[in-house]
PDB file of N, CA and C in Angstrom:
ATOM      1  N   UNK A   1     -65.483 131.649 118.222  1.00  0.00           N
ATOM      2  CA  UNK A   1     -66.289 132.553 118.996  1.00  0.00           C
ATOM      3  C   UNK A   1     -65.701 132.672 120.395  1.00  0.00           C
ATOM      4  N   UNK A   2     -65.443 133.887 120.820  1.00  0.00           N
ATOM      5  CA  UNK A   2     -64.843 134.124 122.126  1.00  0.00           C
ATOM      6  C   UNK A   2     -65.888 133.965 123.219  1.00  0.00           C
ATOM      7  N   UNK A   3     -65.442 133.369 124.296  1.00  0.00           N
ATOM      8  CA  UNK A   3     -66.307 133.252 125.462  1.00  0.00           C
ATOM      9  C   UNK A   3     -65.611 133.918 126.637  1.00  0.00           C
ATOM     10  N   UNK A   4     -66.408 134.444 127.536  1.00  0.00           N
ATOM     11  CA  UNK A   4     -65.848 135.093 128.710  1.00  0.00           C
ATOM     12  C   UNK A   4     -65.245 134.058 129.646  1.00  0.00           C
ATOM     13  N   UNK A   5     -64.205 134.470 130.346  1.00  0.00           N
ATOM     14  CA  UNK A   5     -63.583 133.642 131.374  1.00  0.00           C
ATOM     15  C   UNK A   5     -63.822 134.336 132.700  1.00  0.00           C
ATOM     16  N   UNK A   6     -64.261 133.584 133.672  1.00  0.00           N
ATOM     17  CA  UNK A   6     -64.552 134.164 134.977  1.00  0.00           C
ATOM     18  C   UNK A   6     -63.397 133.864 135.928  1.00  0.00           C
ATOM     19  N   UNK A   7     -62.882 134.903 136.566  1.00  0.00           N
ATOM     20  CA  UNK A   7     -61.793 134.765 137.528  1.00  0.00           C
ATOM     21  C   UNK A   7     -62.225 135.347 138.863  1.00  0.00           C
ATOM     22  N   UNK A   8     -61.700 134.791 139.935  1.00  0.00           N
ATOM     23  CA  UNK A   8     -61.901 135.352 141.259  1.00  0.00           C
ATOM     24  C   UNK A   8     -60.545 135.851 141.732  1.00  0.00           C
ATOM     25  N   UNK A   9     -60.496 137.085 142.159  1.00  0.00           N
ATOM     26  CA  UNK A   9     -59.250 137.720 142.547  1.00  0.00           C
ATOM     27  C   UNK A   9     -59.333 138.130 144.016  1.00  0.00           C
ATOM     28  N   UNK A  10     -58.363 137.714 144.798  1.00  0.00           N
ATOM     29  CA  UNK A  10     -58.306 138.092 146.206  1.00  0.00           C
ATOM     30  C   UNK A  10     -57.047 138.924 146.418  1.00  0.00           C
ATOM     31  N   UNK A  11     -57.217 140.125 146.911  1.00  0.00           N
ATOM     32  CA  UNK A  11     -56.093 141.027 147.177  1.00  0.00           C
ATOM     33  C   UNK A  11     -55.951 141.226 148.675  1.00  0.00           C
ATOM     34  N   UNK A  12     -54.715 141.441 149.132  1.00  0.00           N
ATOM     35  CA  UNK A  12     -54.585 141.762 150.553  1.00  0.00           C
ATOM     36  C   UNK A  12     -55.166 143.160 150.788  1.00  0.00           C
ATOM     37  N   UNK A  13     -55.422 143.467 152.029  1.00  0.00           N
ATOM     38  CA  UNK A  13     -56.172 144.682 152.381  1.00  0.00           C
ATOM     39  C   UNK A  13     -55.496 145.954 151.866  1.00  0.00           C
ATOM     40  N   UNK A  14     -54.178 146.053 151.991  1.00  0.00           N
ATOM     41  CA  UNK A  14     -53.500 147.286 151.582  1.00  0.00           C
ATOM     42  C   UNK A  14     -53.553 147.478 150.068  1.00  0.00           C
ATOM     43  N   UNK A  15     -53.392 146.394 149.315  1.00  0.00           N
ATOM     44  CA  UNK A  15     -53.478 146.495 147.861  1.00  0.00           C
ATOM     45  C   UNK A  15     -54.911 146.794 147.421  1.00  0.00           C
ATOM     46  N   UNK A  16     -55.865 146.170 148.100  1.00  0.00           N
ATOM     47  CA  UNK A  16     -57.269 146.434 147.800  1.00  0.00           C
ATOM     48  C   UNK A  16     -57.635 147.888 148.059  1.00  0.00           C
ATOM     49  N   UNK A  17     -57.111 148.442 149.162  1.00  0.00           N
ATOM     50  CA  UNK A  17     -57.385 149.846 149.483  1.00  0.00           C
ATOM     51  C   UNK A  17     -56.758 150.766 148.441  1.00  0.00           C
ATOM     52  N   UNK A  18     -55.543 150.451 148.005  1.00  0.00           N
ATOM     53  CA  UNK A  18     -54.880 151.260 146.983  1.00  0.00           C
ATOM     54  C   UNK A  18     -55.654 151.194 145.664  1.00  0.00           C
ATOM     55  N   UNK A  19     -56.120 150.024 145.324  1.00  0.00           N
ATOM     56  CA  UNK A  19     -56.930 149.859 144.114  1.00  0.00           C
ATOM     57  C   UNK A  19     -58.210 150.677 144.221  1.00  0.00           C
ATOM     58  N   UNK A  20     -58.846 150.603 145.369  1.00  0.00           N
ATOM     59  CA  UNK A  20     -60.098 151.343 145.567  1.00  0.00           C
ATOM     60  C   UNK A  20     -59.863 152.845 145.456  1.00  0.00           C
ATOM     61  N   UNK A  21     -58.784 153.347 146.087  1.00  0.00           N
ATOM     62  CA  UNK A  21     -58.477 154.787 146.017  1.00  0.00           C
ATOM     63  C   UNK A  21     -58.186 155.221 144.587  1.00  0.00           C
ATOM     64  N   UNK A  22     -57.386 154.439 143.880  1.00  0.00           N
ATOM     65  CA  UNK A  22     -57.035 154.784 142.499  1.00  0.00           C
ATOM     66  C   UNK A  22     -58.281 154.787 141.609  1.00  0.00           C
ATOM     67  N   UNK A  23     -59.161 153.843 141.827  1.00  0.00           N
ATOM     68  CA  UNK A  23     -60.384 153.775 141.023  1.00  0.00           C
ATOM     69  C   UNK A  23     -61.286 154.962 141.309  1.00  0.00           C
ATOM     70  N   UNK A  24     -61.460 155.292 142.578  1.00  0.00           N
ATOM     71  CA  UNK A  24     -62.325 156.414 142.955  1.00  0.00           C
ATOM     72  C   UNK A  24     -61.758 157.717 142.401  1.00  0.00           C
ATOM     73  N   UNK A  25     -60.438 157.891 142.450  1.00  0.00           N
ATOM     74  CA  UNK A  25     -59.802 159.108 141.924  1.00  0.00           C
ATOM     75  C   UNK A  25     -60.115 159.311 140.447  1.00  0.00           C
ATOM     76  N   UNK A  26     -60.328 158.230 139.734  1.00  0.00           N
ATOM     77  CA  UNK A  26     -60.575 158.312 138.293  1.00  0.00           C
ATOM     78  C   UNK A  26     -62.053 158.161 137.941  1.00  0.00           C
ATOM     79  N   UNK A  27     -62.885 157.948 138.936  1.00  0.00           N
ATOM     80  CA  UNK A  27     -64.314 157.779 138.685  1.00  0.00           C
ATOM     81  C   UNK A  27     -64.672 156.416 138.144  1.00  0.00           C
ATOM     82  N   UNK A  28     -63.842 155.424 138.422  1.00  0.00           N
ATOM     83  CA  UNK A  28     -64.071 154.059 137.952  1.00  0.00           C
ATOM     84  C   UNK A  28     -64.455 153.185 139.137  1.00  0.00           C
ATOM     85  N   UNK A  29     -64.925 152.000 138.836  1.00  0.00           N
ATOM     86  CA  UNK A  29     -65.139 151.020 139.906  1.00  0.00           C
ATOM     87  C   UNK A  29     -63.824 150.276 140.112  1.00  0.00           C
ATOM     88  N   UNK A  30     -63.588 149.787 141.334  1.00  0.00           N
ATOM     89  CA  UNK A  30     -62.363 149.005 141.563  1.00  0.00           C
ATOM     90  C   UNK A  30     -62.294 147.777 140.646  1.00  0.00           C
ATOM     91  N   UNK A  31     -63.441 147.176 140.371  1.00  0.00           N
ATOM     92  CA  UNK A  31     -63.467 145.995 139.502  1.00  0.00           C
ATOM     93  C   UNK A  31     -63.034 146.340 138.079  1.00  0.00           C
ATOM     94  N   UNK A  32     -63.531 147.476 137.558  1.00  0.00           N
ATOM     95  CA  UNK A  32     -63.161 147.833 136.188  1.00  0.00           C
ATOM     96  C   UNK A  32     -61.677 148.191 136.089  1.00  0.00           C
ATOM     97  N   UNK A  33     -61.148 148.821 137.124  1.00  0.00           N
ATOM     98  CA  UNK A  33     -59.714 149.138 137.134  1.00  0.00           C
ATOM     99  C   UNK A  33     -58.890 147.855 137.188  1.00  0.00           C
ATOM    100  N   UNK A  34     -59.299 146.905 138.018  1.00  0.00           N
ATOM    101  CA  UNK A  34     -58.569 145.628 138.119  1.00  0.00           C
ATOM    102  C   UNK A  34     -58.623 144.887 136.784  1.00  0.00           C
ATOM    103  N   UNK A  35     -59.783 144.865 136.149  1.00  0.00           N
ATOM    104  CA  UNK A  35     -59.916 144.191 134.847  1.00  0.00           C
ATOM    105  C   UNK A  35     -59.016 144.863 133.814  1.00  0.00           C
ATOM    106  N   UNK A  36     -58.972 146.193 133.818  1.00  0.00           N
ATOM    107  CA  UNK A  36     -58.133 146.916 132.868  1.00  0.00           C
ATOM    108  C   UNK A  36     -56.655 146.595 133.100  1.00  0.00           C
ATOM    109  N   UNK A  37     -56.248 146.553 134.358  1.00  0.00           N
ATOM    110  CA  UNK A  37     -54.849 146.224 134.678  1.00  0.00           C
ATOM    111  C   UNK A  37     -54.496 144.811 134.225  1.00  0.00           C
ATOM    112  N   UNK A  38     -55.383 143.877 134.477  1.00  0.00           N
ATOM    113  CA  UNK A  38     -55.142 142.490 134.051  1.00  0.00           C
ATOM    114  C   UNK A  38     -55.086 142.412 132.530  1.00  0.00           C
ATOM    115  N   UNK A  39     -55.990 143.090 131.851  1.00  0.00           N
ATOM    116  CA  UNK A  39     -56.009 143.095 130.386  1.00  0.00           C
ATOM    117  C   UNK A  39     -54.679 143.616 129.836  1.00  0.00           C
ATOM    118  N   UNK A  40     -54.209 144.731 130.396  1.00  0.00           N
ATOM    119  CA  UNK A  40     -52.949 145.312 129.925  1.00  0.00           C
ATOM    120  C   UNK A  40     -51.776 144.372 130.190  1.00  0.00           C
ATOM    121  N   UNK A  41     -51.758 143.743 131.347  1.00  0.00           N
ATOM    122  CA  UNK A  41     -50.667 142.820 131.678  1.00  0.00           C
ATOM    123  C   UNK A  41     -50.660 141.621 130.738  1.00  0.00           C
ATOM    124  N   UNK A  42     -51.835 141.087 130.446  1.00  0.00           N
ATOM    125  CA  UNK A  42     -51.912 139.950 129.527  1.00  0.00           C
ATOM    126  C   UNK A  42     -51.491 140.346 128.115  1.00  0.00           C
ATOM    127  N   UNK A  43     -51.849 141.549 127.697  1.00  0.00           N
ATOM    128  CA  UNK A  43     -51.451 142.018 126.372  1.00  0.00           C
ATOM    129  C   UNK A  43     -49.933 142.158 126.280  1.00  0.00           C
ATOM    130  N   UNK A  44     -49.321 142.711 127.313  1.00  0.00           N
ATOM    131  CA  UNK A  44     -47.860 142.849 127.334  1.00  0.00           C
ATOM    132  C   UNK A  44     -47.203 141.464 127.316  1.00  0.00           C
ATOM    133  N   UNK A  45     -47.746 140.529 128.100  1.00  0.00           N
ATOM    134  CA  UNK A  45     -47.184 139.179 128.142  1.00  0.00           C
ATOM    135  C   UNK A  45     -47.294 138.498 126.778  1.00  0.00           C
ATOM    136  N   UNK A  46     -48.425 138.674 126.111  1.00  0.00           N
ATOM    137  CA  UNK A  46     -48.606 138.084 124.791  1.00  0.00           C
ATOM    138  C   UNK A  46     -47.632 138.692 123.786  1.00  0.00           C
ATOM    139  N   UNK A  47     -47.490 140.011 123.800  1.00  0.00           N
ATOM    140  CA  UNK A  47     -46.546 140.658 122.881  1.00  0.00           C
ATOM    141  C   UNK A  47     -45.117 140.201 123.152  1.00  0.00           C
ATOM    142  N   UNK A  48     -44.774 140.045 124.424  1.00  0.00           N
ATOM    143  CA  UNK A  48     -43.438 139.578 124.779  1.00  0.00           C
ATOM    144  C   UNK A  48     -43.210 138.173 124.243  1.00  0.00           C
ATOM    145  N   UNK A  49     -44.199 137.309 124.404  1.00  0.00           N
ATOM    146  CA  UNK A  49     -44.060 135.935 123.926  1.00  0.00           C
ATOM    147  C   UNK A  49     -43.894 135.896 122.409  1.00  0.00           C
ATOM    148  N   UNK A  50     -44.669 136.692 121.680  1.00  0.00           N
ATOM    149  CA  UNK A  50     -44.550 136.749 120.217  1.00  0.00           C
ATOM    150  C   UNK A  50     -43.157 137.247 119.828  1.00  0.00           C
ATOM    151  N   UNK A  51     -42.669 138.260 120.544  1.00  0.00           N
ATOM    152  CA  UNK A  51     -41.340 138.795 120.263  1.00  0.00           C
ATOM    153  C   UNK A  51     -40.259 137.743 120.479  1.00  0.00           C
ATOM    154  N   UNK A  52     -40.354 136.991 121.554  1.00  0.00           N
ATOM    155  CA  UNK A  52     -39.371 135.941 121.825  1.00  0.00           C
ATOM    156  C   UNK A  52     -39.421 134.869 120.735  1.00  0.00           C
ATOM    157  N   UNK A  53     -40.628 134.485 120.319  1.00  0.00           N
ATOM    158  CA  UNK A  53     -40.758 133.493 119.250  1.00  0.00           C
ATOM    159  C   UNK A  53     -40.127 133.998 117.948  1.00  0.00           C
ATOM    160  N   UNK A  54     -40.344 135.271 117.640  1.00  0.00           N
ATOM    161  CA  UNK A  54     -39.751 135.835 116.421  1.00  0.00           C
ATOM    162  C   UNK A  54     -38.231 135.880 116.523  1.00  0.00           C
ATOM    163  N   UNK A  55     -37.723 136.222 117.700  1.00  0.00           N
ATOM    164  CA  UNK A  55     -36.264 136.243 117.883  1.00  0.00           C
ATOM    165  C   UNK A  55     -35.690 134.845 117.695  1.00  0.00           C
ATOM    166  N   UNK A  56     -36.374 133.817 118.197  1.00  0.00           N
ATOM    167  CA  UNK A  56     -35.904 132.445 118.033  1.00  0.00           C
ATOM    168  C   UNK A  56     -35.916 132.044 116.562  1.00  0.00           C
ATOM    169  N   UNK A  57     -36.922 132.475 115.814  1.00  0.00           N
ATOM    170  CA  UNK A  57     -36.994 132.189 114.380  1.00  0.00           C
ATOM    171  C   UNK A  57     -35.833 132.858 113.647  1.00  0.00           C
ATOM    172  N   UNK A  58     -35.566 134.100 113.987  1.00  0.00           N
ATOM    173  CA  UNK A  58     -34.461 134.830 113.362  1.00  0.00           C
ATOM    174  C   UNK A  58     -33.132 134.191 113.722  1.00  0.00           C
ATOM    175  N   UNK A  59     -32.951 133.808 114.983  1.00  0.00           N
ATOM    176  CA  UNK A  59     -31.717 133.137 115.396  1.00  0.00           C
ATOM    177  C   UNK A  59     -31.499 131.850 114.611  1.00  0.00           C
ATOM    178  N   UNK A  60     -32.570 131.072 114.429  1.00  0.00           N
ATOM    179  CA  UNK A  60     -32.454 129.817 113.678  1.00  0.00           C
ATOM    180  C   UNK A  60     -32.084 130.091 112.219  1.00  0.00           C
ATOM    181  N   UNK A  61     -32.674 131.133 111.632  1.00  0.00           N
ATOM    182  CA  UNK A  61     -32.352 131.476 110.238  1.00  0.00           C
ATOM    183  C   UNK A  61     -30.902 131.939 110.119  1.00  0.00           C
ATOM    184  N   UNK A  62     -30.443 132.736 111.066  1.00  0.00           N
ATOM    185  CA  UNK A  62     -29.048 133.182 111.035  1.00  0.00           C
ATOM    186  C   UNK A  62     -28.087 132.005 111.184  1.00  0.00           C
ATOM    187  N   UNK A  63     -28.441 131.061 112.043  1.00  0.00           N
ATOM    188  CA  UNK A  63     -27.597 129.882 112.221  1.00  0.00           C
ATOM    189  C   UNK A  63     -27.557 129.056 110.944  1.00  0.00           C
ATOM    190  N   UNK A  64     -28.699 128.907 110.273  1.00  0.00           N
ATOM    191  CA  UNK A  64     -28.741 128.164 109.010  1.00  0.00           C
ATOM    192  C   UNK A  64     -27.883 128.851 107.958  1.00  0.00           C
ATOM    193  N   UNK A  65     -27.946 130.181 107.913  1.00  0.00           N
ATOM    194  CA  UNK A  65     -27.119 130.916 106.952  1.00  0.00           C
ATOM    195  C   UNK A  65     -25.640 130.739 107.258  1.00  0.00           C
ATOM    196  N   UNK A  66     -25.285 130.813 108.535  1.00  0.00           N
ATOM    197  CA  UNK A  66     -23.880 130.651 108.920  1.00  0.00           C
ATOM    198  C   UNK A  66     -23.379 129.260 108.558  1.00  0.00           C
ATOM    199  N   UNK A  67     -24.200 128.245 108.772  1.00  0.00           N
ATOM    200  CA  UNK A  67     -23.800 126.882 108.416  1.00  0.00           C
ATOM    201  C   UNK A  67     -23.640 126.739 106.909  1.00  0.00           C
ATOM    202  N   UNK A  68     -24.536 127.362 106.144  1.00  0.00           N
ATOM    203  CA  UNK A  68     -24.438 127.287 104.686  1.00  0.00           C
ATOM    204  C   UNK A  68     -23.154 127.945 104.197  1.00  0.00           C
ATOM    205  N   UNK A  69     -22.819 129.102 104.740  1.00  0.00           N
ATOM    206  CA  UNK A  69     -21.579 129.784 104.347  1.00  0.00           C
ATOM    207  C   UNK A  69     -20.380 128.945 104.739  1.00  0.00           C
ATOM    208  N   UNK A  70     -20.431 128.334 105.924  1.00  0.00           N
ATOM    209  CA  UNK A  70     -19.329 127.477 106.361  1.00  0.00           C
ATOM    210  C   UNK A  70     -19.154 126.286 105.421  1.00  0.00           C
ATOM    211  N   UNK A  71     -20.259 125.659 105.027  1.00  0.00           N
ATOM    212  CA  UNK A  71     -20.176 124.513 104.116  1.00  0.00           C
ATOM    213  C   UNK A  71     -19.653 124.922 102.746  1.00  0.00           C
ATOM    214  N   UNK A  72     -20.061 126.083 102.271  1.00  0.00           N
ATOM    215  CA  UNK A  72     -19.600 126.550 100.964  1.00  0.00           C
ATOM    216  C   UNK A  72     -18.104 126.864 100.978  1.00  0.00           C
ATOM    217  N   UNK A  73     -17.616 127.356 102.085  1.00  0.00           N
ATOM    218  CA  UNK A  73     -16.221 127.764 102.160  1.00  0.00           C
ATOM    219  C   UNK A  73     -15.301 126.652 102.659  1.00  0.00           C
ATOM    220  N   UNK A  74     -15.869 125.543 103.072  1.00  0.00           N
ATOM    221  CA  UNK A  74     -15.067 124.469 103.660  1.00  0.00           C
ATOM    222  C   UNK A  74     -14.160 123.846 102.610  1.00  0.00           C
ATOM    223  N   UNK A  75     -12.891 123.632 102.945  1.00  0.00           N
ATOM    224  CA  UNK A  75     -11.940 123.081 101.962  1.00  0.00           C
ATOM    225  C   UNK A  75     -12.296 121.686 101.453  1.00  0.00           C
ATOM    226  N   UNK A  76     -13.053 120.894 102.208  1.00  0.00           N
ATOM    227  CA  UNK A  76     -13.404 119.545 101.766  1.00  0.00           C
ATOM    228  C   UNK A  76     -14.523 119.554 100.730  1.00  0.00           C
ATOM    229  N   UNK A  77     -15.014 120.734 100.381  1.00  0.00           N
ATOM    230  CA  UNK A  77     -16.091 120.872  99.399  1.00  0.00           C
ATOM    231  C   UNK A  77     -15.463 121.156  98.028  1.00  0.00           C
ATOM    232  N   UNK A  78     -14.771 120.153  97.487  1.00  0.00           N
ATOM    233  CA  UNK A  78     -14.083 120.305  96.191  1.00  0.00           C
ATOM    234  C   UNK A  78     -13.164 121.520  96.178  1.00  0.00           C
ATOM    235  N   UNK A  79     -12.407 121.679  97.221  1.00  0.00           N
ATOM    236  CA  UNK A  79     -11.484 122.803  97.285  1.00  0.00           C
ATOM    237  C   UNK A  79     -12.141 124.071  97.788  1.00  0.00           C
ATOM    238  N   UNK A  80     -13.398 124.002  98.142  1.00  0.00           N
ATOM    239  CA  UNK A  80     -14.091 125.187  98.648  1.00  0.00           C
ATOM    240  C   UNK A  80     -14.673 126.003  97.519  1.00  0.00           C
ATOM    241  N   UNK A  81     -15.581 126.837  97.867  1.00  0.00           N
ATOM    242  CA  UNK A  81     -16.204 127.729  96.902  1.00  0.00           C
ATOM    243  C   UNK A  81     -15.765 129.135  97.231  1.00  0.00           C
ATOM    244  N   UNK A  82     -15.438 129.877  96.228  1.00  0.00           N
ATOM    245  CA  UNK A  82     -15.056 131.262  96.454  1.00  0.00           C
ATOM    246  C   UNK A  82     -16.286 132.034  96.934  1.00  0.00           C
ATOM    247  N   UNK A  83     -16.214 132.570  98.139  1.00  0.00           N
ATOM    248  CA  UNK A  83     -17.368 133.247  98.706  1.00  0.00           C
ATOM    249  C   UNK A  83     -17.770 134.478  97.909  1.00  0.00           C
ATOM    250  N   UNK A  84     -16.809 135.119  97.236  1.00  0.00           N
ATOM    251  CA  UNK A  84     -17.181 136.288  96.446  1.00  0.00           C
ATOM    252  C   UNK A  84     -18.022 135.909  95.222  1.00  0.00           C
ATOM    253  N   UNK A  85     -18.084 134.632  94.906  1.00  0.00           N
ATOM    254  CA  UNK A  85     -18.922 134.174  93.801  1.00  0.00           C
ATOM    255  C   UNK A  85     -20.388 133.988  94.212  1.00  0.00           C
ATOM    256  N   UNK A  86     -20.650 133.894  95.503  1.00  0.00           N
ATOM    257  CA  UNK A  86     -22.039 133.695  95.953  1.00  0.00           C
ATOM    258  C   UNK A  86     -22.622 134.937  96.610  1.00  0.00           C
ATOM    259  N   UNK A  87     -21.814 135.920  96.879  1.00  0.00           N
ATOM    260  CA  UNK A  87     -22.282 137.142  97.565  1.00  0.00           C
ATOM    261  C   UNK A  87     -22.551 138.229  96.537  1.00  0.00           C
ATOM    262  N   UNK A  88     -23.718 138.854  96.634  1.00  0.00           N
ATOM    263  CA  UNK A  88     -24.069 139.931  95.697  1.00  0.00           C
ATOM    264  C   UNK A  88     -23.446 141.265  96.093  1.00  0.00           C
ATOM    265  N   UNK A  89     -23.011 141.370  97.303  1.00  0.00           N
ATOM    266  CA  UNK A  89     -22.433 142.646  97.771  1.00  0.00           C
ATOM    267  C   UNK A  89     -21.026 142.785  97.210  1.00  0.00           C
ATOM    268  N   UNK A  90     -20.781 143.923  96.603  1.00  0.00           N
ATOM    269  CA  UNK A  90     -19.456 144.220  96.072  1.00  0.00           C
ATOM    270  C   UNK A  90     -18.993 145.528  96.684  1.00  0.00           C
ATOM    271  N   UNK A  91     -17.927 145.506  97.459  1.00  0.00           N
ATOM    272  CA  UNK A  91     -17.444 146.758  98.088  1.00  0.00           C
ATOM    273  C   UNK A  91     -16.937 147.755  97.058  1.00  0.00           C
TER     274      UNK A  91
END
């Protein structure tokens, strides 16, 4: 069950004035505009973090594949394995 988190935000005067003007131009309250901006920033940060985690997973899988191919082709592996025997791709 989600619970609300309460934050206190202090802006310098010029940023606060810009926020107030932007909110008034759109018919919003400065608080609702600030909350929307924070929500969007957190969503972008979360998506970025998920993307980085996925890239790390893919990198690890590619490294595992490269090591497996290296081990299969290594001459100390009973003379090596012919790589064309393990690859389904045929030019």
